[in-house]
């Protein structure tokens, strides 16, 4: 149960970073840069989530270190 809570927090963190990146780049009138930043964050975060789900036997401490 704790691992699903950690995964959810990581997903919310990724979405917050994406929203912040879009907000700041729209304020600077550079929406293309914001889209590229969002794609980069989602690719890196998605890779971390995929690696987490792929590896079955892991410790919560290892996942915490990778996520942070």
PDB file of N, CA and C in Angstrom:
ATOM      1  N   UNK A   1       0.815  -1.188   0.000  1.00  0.00           N
ATOM      2  CA  UNK A   1       0.000   0.000   0.000  1.00  0.00           C
ATOM      3  C   UNK A   1       0.865   1.261   0.000  1.00  0.00           C
ATOM      4  N   UNK A   2       1.936   1.245   0.762  1.00  0.00           N
ATOM      5  CA  UNK A   2       2.821   2.398   0.832  1.00  0.00           C
ATOM      6  C   UNK A   2       3.446   2.701  -0.528  1.00  0.00           C
ATOM      7  N   UNK A   3       3.768   1.664  -1.266  1.00  0.00           N
ATOM      8  CA  UNK A   3       4.402   1.874  -2.565  1.00  0.00           C
ATOM      9  C   UNK A   3       3.447   2.554  -3.544  1.00  0.00           C
ATOM     10  N   UNK A   4       2.148   2.239  -3.466  1.00  0.00           N
ATOM     11  CA  UNK A   4       1.169   2.896  -4.348  1.00  0.00           C
ATOM     12  C   UNK A   4       0.986   4.356  -3.947  1.00  0.00           C
ATOM     13  N   UNK A   5       1.071   4.641  -2.679  1.00  0.00           N
ATOM     14  CA  UNK A   5       1.002   6.023  -2.217  1.00  0.00           C
ATOM     15  C   UNK A   5       2.199   6.818  -2.738  1.00  0.00           C
ATOM     16  N   UNK A   6       3.379   6.219  -2.693  1.00  0.00           N
ATOM     17  CA  UNK A   6       4.583   6.862  -3.198  1.00  0.00           C
ATOM     18  C   UNK A   6       4.488   7.082  -4.707  1.00  0.00           C
ATOM     19  N   UNK A   7       3.973   6.108  -5.428  1.00  0.00           N
ATOM     20  CA  UNK A   7       3.782   6.263  -6.876  1.00  0.00           C
ATOM     21  C   UNK A   7       2.806   7.396  -7.188  1.00  0.00           C
ATOM     22  N   UNK A   8       1.734   7.483  -6.424  1.00  0.00           N
ATOM     23  CA  UNK A   8       0.764   8.548  -6.626  1.00  0.00           C
ATOM     24  C   UNK A   8       1.361   9.920  -6.358  1.00  0.00           C
ATOM     25  N   UNK A   9       2.148  10.026  -5.294  1.00  0.00           N
ATOM     26  CA  UNK A   9       2.811  11.290  -4.984  1.00  0.00           C
ATOM     27  C   UNK A   9       3.794  11.681  -6.086  1.00  0.00           C
ATOM     28  N   UNK A  10       4.490  10.712  -6.632  1.00  0.00           N
ATOM     29  CA  UNK A  10       5.429  10.974  -7.721  1.00  0.00           C
ATOM     30  C   UNK A  10       4.686  11.460  -8.961  1.00  0.00           C
ATOM     31  N   UNK A  11       3.552  10.842  -9.264  1.00  0.00           N
ATOM     32  CA  UNK A  11       2.753  11.258 -10.428  1.00  0.00           C
ATOM     33  C   UNK A  11       2.220  12.682 -10.234  1.00  0.00           C
ATOM     34  N   UNK A  12       1.747  13.001  -9.038  1.00  0.00           N
ATOM     35  CA  UNK A  12       1.262  14.352  -8.759  1.00  0.00           C
ATOM     36  C   UNK A  12       2.407  15.359  -8.864  1.00  0.00           C
ATOM     37  N   UNK A  13       3.570  14.993  -8.389  1.00  0.00           N
ATOM     38  CA  UNK A  13       4.741  15.858  -8.495  1.00  0.00           C
ATOM     39  C   UNK A  13       5.087  16.127  -9.959  1.00  0.00           C
ATOM     40  N   UNK A  14       5.056  15.086 -10.787  1.00  0.00           N
ATOM     41  CA  UNK A  14       5.339  15.263 -12.211  1.00  0.00           C
ATOM     42  C   UNK A  14       4.334  16.208 -12.860  1.00  0.00           C
ATOM     43  N   UNK A  15       3.063  16.025 -12.539  1.00  0.00           N
ATOM     44  CA  UNK A  15       2.039  16.892 -13.115  1.00  0.00           C
ATOM     45  C   UNK A  15       2.203  18.333 -12.640  1.00  0.00           C
ATOM     46  N   UNK A  16       2.591  18.516 -11.399  1.00  0.00           N
ATOM     47  CA  UNK A  16       2.840  19.861 -10.889  1.00  0.00           C
ATOM     48  C   UNK A  16       4.010  20.531 -11.585  1.00  0.00           C
ATOM     49  N   UNK A  17       5.058  19.782 -11.825  1.00  0.00           N
ATOM     50  CA  UNK A  17       6.212  20.328 -12.542  1.00  0.00           C
ATOM     51  C   UNK A  17       5.818  20.704 -13.967  1.00  0.00           C
ATOM     52  N   UNK A  18       5.034  19.858 -14.605  1.00  0.00           N
ATOM     53  CA  UNK A  18       4.577  20.155 -15.970  1.00  0.00           C
ATOM     54  C   UNK A  18       3.711  21.411 -15.997  1.00  0.00           C
ATOM     55  N   UNK A  19       2.795  21.520 -15.059  1.00  0.00           N
ATOM     56  CA  UNK A  19       1.938  22.703 -14.996  1.00  0.00           C
ATOM     57  C   UNK A  19       2.736  23.968 -14.731  1.00  0.00           C
ATOM     58  N   UNK A  20       3.684  23.899 -13.827  1.00  0.00           N
ATOM     59  CA  UNK A  20       4.534  25.048 -13.534  1.00  0.00           C
ATOM     60  C   UNK A  20       5.382  25.454 -14.723  1.00  0.00           C
ATOM     61  N   UNK A  21       5.905  24.462 -15.441  1.00  0.00           N
ATOM     62  CA  UNK A  21       6.718  24.764 -16.622  1.00  0.00           C
ATOM     63  C   UNK A  21       5.879  25.460 -17.683  1.00  0.00           C
ATOM     64  N   UNK A  22       4.671  24.969 -17.911  1.00  0.00           N
ATOM     65  CA  UNK A  22       3.806  25.601 -18.909  1.00  0.00           C
ATOM     66  C   UNK A  22       3.428  27.015 -18.477  1.00  0.00           C
ATOM     67  N   UNK A  23       3.110  27.201 -17.222  1.00  0.00           N
ATOM     68  CA  UNK A  23       2.721  28.521 -16.716  1.00  0.00           C
ATOM     69  C   UNK A  23       3.851  29.532 -16.891  1.00  0.00           C
ATOM     70  N   UNK A  24       5.056  29.141 -16.490  1.00  0.00           N
ATOM     71  CA  UNK A  24       6.183  30.068 -16.575  1.00  0.00           C
ATOM     72  C   UNK A  24       6.554  30.389 -18.015  1.00  0.00           C
ATOM     73  N   UNK A  25       6.496  29.401 -18.903  1.00  0.00           N
ATOM     74  CA  UNK A  25       6.861  29.673 -20.289  1.00  0.00           C
ATOM     75  C   UNK A  25       5.777  30.462 -21.013  1.00  0.00           C
ATOM     76  N   UNK A  26       4.518  30.309 -20.613  1.00  0.00           N
ATOM     77  CA  UNK A  26       3.462  31.127 -21.208  1.00  0.00           C
ATOM     78  C   UNK A  26       3.617  32.578 -20.754  1.00  0.00           C
ATOM     79  N   UNK A  27       4.008  32.785 -19.503  1.00  0.00           N
ATOM     80  CA  UNK A  27       4.263  34.147 -19.026  1.00  0.00           C
ATOM     81  C   UNK A  27       5.402  34.801 -19.805  1.00  0.00           C
ATOM     82  N   UNK A  28       6.374  34.005 -20.212  1.00  0.00           N
ATOM     83  CA  UNK A  28       7.512  34.524 -20.964  1.00  0.00           C
ATOM     84  C   UNK A  28       7.247  34.530 -22.468  1.00  0.00           C
ATOM     85  N   UNK A  29       6.034  34.147 -22.867  1.00  0.00           N
ATOM     86  CA  UNK A  29       5.629  34.113 -24.271  1.00  0.00           C
ATOM     87  C   UNK A  29       6.491  33.151 -25.095  1.00  0.00           C
ATOM     88  N   UNK A  30       6.789  31.981 -24.523  1.00  0.00           N
ATOM     89  CA  UNK A  30       7.555  30.946 -25.214  1.00  0.00           C
ATOM     90  C   UNK A  30       6.857  29.595 -25.037  1.00  0.00           C
ATOM     91  N   UNK A  31       5.665  29.422 -25.613  1.00  0.00           N
ATOM     92  CA  UNK A  31       4.920  28.187 -25.375  1.00  0.00           C
ATOM     93  C   UNK A  31       5.593  26.937 -25.941  1.00  0.00           C
ATOM     94  N   UNK A  32       6.346  27.057 -27.024  1.00  0.00           N
ATOM     95  CA  UNK A  32       7.020  25.886 -27.588  1.00  0.00           C
ATOM     96  C   UNK A  32       8.065  25.338 -26.616  1.00  0.00           C
ATOM     97  N   UNK A  33       8.775  26.226 -25.967  1.00  0.00           N
ATOM     98  CA  UNK A  33       9.761  25.820 -24.957  1.00  0.00           C
ATOM     99  C   UNK A  33       9.064  25.081 -23.813  1.00  0.00           C
ATOM    100  N   UNK A  34       7.891  25.557 -23.428  1.00  0.00           N
ATOM    101  CA  UNK A  34       7.126  24.896 -22.374  1.00  0.00           C
ATOM    102  C   UNK A  34       6.684  23.507 -22.765  1.00  0.00           C
ATOM    103  N   UNK A  35       6.250  23.356 -24.002  1.00  0.00           N
ATOM    104  CA  UNK A  35       5.828  22.033 -24.479  1.00  0.00           C
ATOM    105  C   UNK A  35       7.004  21.071 -24.469  1.00  0.00           C
ATOM    106  N   UNK A  36       8.162  21.536 -24.895  1.00  0.00           N
ATOM    107  CA  UNK A  36       9.353  20.681 -24.885  1.00  0.00           C
ATOM    108  C   UNK A  36       9.746  20.287 -23.463  1.00  0.00           C
ATOM    109  N   UNK A  37       9.615  21.225 -22.532  1.00  0.00           N
ATOM    110  CA  UNK A  37       9.920  20.912 -21.134  1.00  0.00           C
ATOM    111  C   UNK A  37       8.942  19.885 -20.577  1.00  0.00           C
ATOM    112  N   UNK A  38       7.665  20.030 -20.903  1.00  0.00           N
ATOM    113  CA  UNK A  38       6.654  19.084 -20.426  1.00  0.00           C
ATOM    114  C   UNK A  38       6.923  17.694 -20.996  1.00  0.00           C
ATOM    115  N   UNK A  39       7.243  17.620 -22.276  1.00  0.00           N
ATOM    116  CA  UNK A  39       7.540  16.325 -22.891  1.00  0.00           C
ATOM    117  C   UNK A  39       8.760  15.690 -22.221  1.00  0.00           C
ATOM    118  N   UNK A  40       9.795  16.478 -21.961  1.00  0.00           N
ATOM    119  CA  UNK A  40      10.996  15.942 -21.315  1.00  0.00           C
ATOM    120  C   UNK A  40      10.686  15.420 -19.916  1.00  0.00           C
ATOM    121  N   UNK A  41       9.914  16.181 -19.151  1.00  0.00           N
ATOM    122  CA  UNK A  41       9.556  15.751 -17.794  1.00  0.00           C
ATOM    123  C   UNK A  41       8.736  14.466 -17.840  1.00  0.00           C
ATOM    124  N   UNK A  42       7.773  14.388 -18.762  1.00  0.00           N
ATOM    125  CA  UNK A  42       6.939  13.192 -18.849  1.00  0.00           C
ATOM    126  C   UNK A  42       7.715  11.973 -19.327  1.00  0.00           C
ATOM    127  N   UNK A  43       8.663  12.169 -20.230  1.00  0.00           N
ATOM    128  CA  UNK A  43       9.476  11.040 -20.699  1.00  0.00           C
ATOM    129  C   UNK A  43      10.366  10.519 -19.577  1.00  0.00           C
ATOM    130  N   UNK A  44      11.027  11.419 -18.882  1.00  0.00           N
ATOM    131  CA  UNK A  44      11.910  10.989 -17.788  1.00  0.00           C
ATOM    132  C   UNK A  44      11.092  10.369 -16.656  1.00  0.00           C
ATOM    133  N   UNK A  45      10.006  11.026 -16.272  1.00  0.00           N
ATOM    134  CA  UNK A  45       9.150  10.488 -15.214  1.00  0.00           C
ATOM    135  C   UNK A  45       8.501   9.173 -15.606  1.00  0.00           C
ATOM    136  N   UNK A  46       8.078   9.078 -16.860  1.00  0.00           N
ATOM    137  CA  UNK A  46       7.490   7.827 -17.347  1.00  0.00           C
ATOM    138  C   UNK A  46       8.494   6.690 -17.345  1.00  0.00           C
ATOM    139  N   UNK A  47       9.735   7.007 -17.666  1.00  0.00           N
ATOM    140  CA  UNK A  47      10.782   5.984 -17.636  1.00  0.00           C
ATOM    141  C   UNK A  47      11.008   5.483 -16.217  1.00  0.00           C
ATOM    142  N   UNK A  48      11.010   6.395 -15.268  1.00  0.00           N
ATOM    143  CA  UNK A  48      11.174   6.001 -13.861  1.00  0.00           C
ATOM    144  C   UNK A  48       9.994   5.140 -13.408  1.00  0.00           C
ATOM    145  N   UNK A  49       8.773   5.547 -13.772  1.00  0.00           N
ATOM    146  CA  UNK A  49       7.583   4.766 -13.394  1.00  0.00           C
ATOM    147  C   UNK A  49       7.597   3.386 -14.054  1.00  0.00           C
ATOM    148  N   UNK A  50       7.990   3.327 -15.330  1.00  0.00           N
ATOM    149  CA  UNK A  50       8.059   2.049 -16.027  1.00  0.00           C
ATOM    150  C   UNK A  50       9.086   1.129 -15.372  1.00  0.00           C
ATOM    151  N   UNK A  51      10.248   1.682 -15.039  1.00  0.00           N
ATOM    152  CA  UNK A  51      11.277   0.873 -14.374  1.00  0.00           C
ATOM    153  C   UNK A  51      10.780   0.383 -13.021  1.00  0.00           C
ATOM    154  N   UNK A  52      10.016   1.210 -12.337  1.00  0.00           N
ATOM    155  CA  UNK A  52       9.453   0.820 -11.047  1.00  0.00           C
ATOM    156  C   UNK A  52       8.472  -0.346 -11.210  1.00  0.00           C
ATOM    157  N   UNK A  53       7.601  -0.235 -12.174  1.00  0.00           N
ATOM    158  CA  UNK A  53       6.609  -1.295 -12.380  1.00  0.00           C
ATOM    159  C   UNK A  53       7.229  -2.558 -12.965  1.00  0.00           C
ATOM    160  N   UNK A  54       8.294  -2.403 -13.724  1.00  0.00           N
ATOM    161  CA  UNK A  54       8.950  -3.554 -14.364  1.00  0.00           C
ATOM    162  C   UNK A  54       9.653  -4.439 -13.335  1.00  0.00           C
ATOM    163  N   UNK A  55      10.345  -3.813 -12.409  1.00  0.00           N
ATOM    164  CA  UNK A  55      11.090  -4.549 -11.386  1.00  0.00           C
ATOM    165  C   UNK A  55      10.138  -4.968 -10.271  1.00  0.00           C
ATOM    166  N   UNK A  56       9.943  -6.260 -10.106  1.00  0.00           N
ATOM    167  CA  UNK A  56       8.978  -6.761  -9.121  1.00  0.00           C
ATOM    168  C   UNK A  56       9.508  -6.733  -7.692  1.00  0.00           C
ATOM    169  N   UNK A  57      10.701  -7.232  -7.484  1.00  0.00           N
ATOM    170  CA  UNK A  57      11.251  -7.348  -6.121  1.00  0.00           C
ATOM    171  C   UNK A  57      12.201  -6.190  -5.849  1.00  0.00           C
ATOM    172  N   UNK A  58      11.701  -5.221  -5.139  1.00  0.00           N
ATOM    173  CA  UNK A  58      12.528  -4.065  -4.805  1.00  0.00           C
ATOM    174  C   UNK A  58      12.169  -3.585  -3.411  1.00  0.00           C
ATOM    175  N   UNK A  59      13.042  -2.809  -2.843  1.00  0.00           N
ATOM    176  CA  UNK A  59      12.797  -2.249  -1.526  1.00  0.00           C
ATOM    177  C   UNK A  59      12.245  -0.831  -1.690  1.00  0.00           C
ATOM    178  N   UNK A  60      11.455  -0.407  -0.759  1.00  0.00           N
ATOM    179  CA  UNK A  60      10.863   0.920  -0.804  1.00  0.00           C
ATOM    180  C   UNK A  60      11.940   2.005  -0.722  1.00  0.00           C
ATOM    181  N   UNK A  61      13.041   1.721  -0.045  1.00  0.00           N
ATOM    182  CA  UNK A  61      14.115   2.712   0.054  1.00  0.00           C
ATOM    183  C   UNK A  61      14.771   2.940  -1.306  1.00  0.00           C
ATOM    184  N   UNK A  62      14.950   1.884  -2.067  1.00  0.00           N
ATOM    185  CA  UNK A  62      15.538   2.018  -3.400  1.00  0.00           C
ATOM    186  C   UNK A  62      14.637   2.856  -4.291  1.00  0.00           C
ATOM    187  N   UNK A  63      13.346   2.601  -4.255  1.00  0.00           N
ATOM    188  CA  UNK A  63      12.399   3.358  -5.061  1.00  0.00           C
ATOM    189  C   UNK A  63      12.371   4.819  -4.644  1.00  0.00           C
ATOM    190  N   UNK A  64      12.453   5.088  -3.373  1.00  0.00           N
ATOM    191  CA  UNK A  64      12.464   6.469  -2.882  1.00  0.00           C
ATOM    192  C   UNK A  64      13.674   7.231  -3.394  1.00  0.00           C
ATOM    193  N   UNK A  65      14.825   6.593  -3.370  1.00  0.00           N
ATOM    194  CA  UNK A  65      16.052   7.246  -3.828  1.00  0.00           C
ATOM    195  C   UNK A  65      15.980   7.523  -5.331  1.00  0.00           C
ATOM    196  N   UNK A  66      15.487   6.579  -6.102  1.00  0.00           N
ATOM    197  CA  UNK A  66      15.380   6.771  -7.553  1.00  0.00           C
ATOM    198  C   UNK A  66      14.387   7.864  -7.880  1.00  0.00           C
ATOM    199  N   UNK A  67      13.272   7.893  -7.188  1.00  0.00           N
ATOM    200  CA  UNK A  67      12.230   8.882  -7.463  1.00  0.00           C
ATOM    201  C   UNK A  67      12.688  10.293  -7.112  1.00  0.00           C
ATOM    202  N   UNK A  68      13.462  10.423  -6.065  1.00  0.00           N
ATOM    203  CA  UNK A  68      13.908  11.761  -5.652  1.00  0.00           C
ATOM    204  C   UNK A  68      15.079  12.177  -6.483  1.00  0.00           C
TER     205      UNK A  68
END
